[in-house]
């Protein structure tokens, strides 16, 4: 193998693409208590009390709020877990995962 062959192999290596990121959205509803939403944000997304309150208030005022941006599998799992906690407690709490633009 010549030096040119080695150099050519180095140049033809492709960088692996980074996985597409997804955002988890909190959707506002008029029935789930604010304290419960903050508790879910703290439990599932490991947010502080203050960060959870800010995310919850943003969703309250604007209709939705981005909770976290991560890989697809993680985003879908966390959205499902958080929505499940709301259902278990009898609330219509909804988290969704969608591709980041």
Protein backbone atom coordinates (compact mmCIF):
# COMPACT_ATOMS: atom_id res chain seq x y z
CA UNK A 1 0.00 0.00 0.00
CA UNK A 2 1.48 3.32 -1.03
CA UNK A 3 1.36 6.58 0.82
CA UNK A 4 -1.24 7.91 -1.62
CA UNK A 5 -3.57 4.98 -0.89
CA UNK A 6 -3.42 5.69 2.85
CA UNK A 7 -4.09 9.39 2.29
CA UNK A 8 -7.02 8.58 0.01
CA UNK A 9 -8.56 6.30 2.65
CA UNK A 10 -8.31 9.03 5.25
CA UNK A 11 -10.08 11.50 2.96
CA UNK A 12 -12.93 9.16 2.05
CA UNK A 13 -13.99 8.47 5.64
CA UNK A 14 -17.35 10.02 6.29
CA UNK A 15 -18.26 11.61 9.53
CA UNK A 16 -21.30 9.98 11.09
CA UNK A 17 -24.29 12.28 11.14
CA UNK A 18 -25.52 13.51 14.47
CA UNK A 19 -28.94 12.16 15.39
CA UNK A 20 -31.85 14.46 14.70
CA UNK A 21 -32.98 16.27 17.83
CA UNK A 22 -36.53 16.37 19.15
CA UNK A 23 -38.15 18.81 21.52
CA UNK A 24 -40.53 17.85 24.29
CA UNK A 25 -43.42 20.28 24.57
CA UNK A 26 -45.70 20.91 27.53
CA UNK A 27 -49.22 21.66 26.32
CA UNK A 28 -51.33 23.92 28.52
CA UNK A 29 -54.70 22.80 29.83
CA UNK A 30 -57.14 24.49 32.18
CA UNK A 31 -57.55 21.58 34.61
CA UNK A 32 -54.17 20.31 35.79
CA UNK A 33 -53.01 22.17 38.93
CA UNK A 34 -49.86 24.22 38.52
CA UNK A 35 -48.20 22.53 41.49
CA UNK A 36 -48.73 19.13 39.91
CA UNK A 37 -47.19 20.26 36.60
CA UNK A 38 -44.11 21.60 38.41
CA UNK A 39 -43.85 18.32 40.37
CA UNK A 40 -43.89 16.33 37.10
CA UNK A 41 -41.24 18.61 35.55
CA UNK A 42 -39.05 18.10 38.60
CA UNK A 43 -39.56 14.32 38.72
CA UNK A 44 -39.27 13.41 35.03
CA UNK A 45 -37.06 16.18 33.64
CA UNK A 46 -34.94 16.79 36.77
CA UNK A 47 -35.73 20.51 36.80
CA UNK A 48 -35.37 22.80 39.76
CA UNK A 49 -38.48 24.32 41.31
CA UNK A 50 -37.76 27.67 39.65
CA UNK A 51 -37.08 26.22 36.18
CA UNK A 52 -40.20 24.05 36.39
CA UNK A 53 -42.29 27.05 37.38
CA UNK A 54 -40.94 29.10 34.45
CA UNK A 55 -41.67 26.31 31.94
CA UNK A 56 -45.17 25.82 33.37
CA UNK A 57 -45.95 29.56 33.26
CA UNK A 58 -44.67 29.85 29.69
CA UNK A 59 -47.06 27.06 28.64
CA UNK A 60 -49.84 28.72 30.64
CA UNK A 61 -49.35 32.05 28.87
CA UNK A 62 -48.44 30.88 25.34
CA UNK A 63 -50.24 27.53 25.08
CA UNK A 64 -47.07 25.42 24.82
CA UNK A 65 -43.55 25.48 26.18
CA UNK A 66 -40.36 23.64 25.21
CA UNK A 67 -39.27 21.51 28.14
CA UNK A 68 -36.12 19.88 26.76
CA UNK A 69 -34.38 19.14 23.44
CA UNK A 70 -32.79 15.69 23.10
CA UNK A 71 -32.58 12.57 20.94
CA UNK A 72 -35.82 11.09 19.59
CA UNK A 73 -35.94 8.01 21.84
CA UNK A 74 -35.30 10.01 25.00
CA UNK A 75 -37.81 12.72 24.03
CA UNK A 76 -40.58 10.22 23.27
CA UNK A 77 -39.93 8.25 26.46
CA UNK A 78 -39.94 11.32 28.71
CA UNK A 79 -43.08 12.73 27.06
CA UNK A 80 -44.86 9.40 27.53
CA UNK A 81 -43.76 9.10 31.18
CA UNK A 82 -44.82 12.65 32.04
CA UNK A 83 -48.20 12.30 30.30
CA UNK A 84 -48.67 8.97 32.09
CA UNK A 85 -48.16 10.59 35.49
CA UNK A 86 -50.94 13.04 34.65
CA UNK A 87 -53.29 10.27 33.55
CA UNK A 88 -52.58 8.26 36.72
CA UNK A 89 -53.56 11.30 38.77
CA UNK A 90 -56.67 11.91 36.65
CA UNK A 91 -55.47 15.03 34.87
CA UNK A 92 -55.39 15.78 31.11
CA UNK A 93 -51.70 16.74 31.30
CA UNK A 94 -50.08 16.41 27.87
CA UNK A 95 -46.47 16.35 26.75
CA UNK A 96 -45.57 15.82 23.09
CA UNK A 97 -42.32 15.14 21.22
CA UNK A 98 -41.69 16.66 17.81
CA UNK A 99 -38.65 17.23 15.57
CA UNK A 100 -36.64 20.36 16.23
CA UNK A 101 -36.60 22.72 13.26
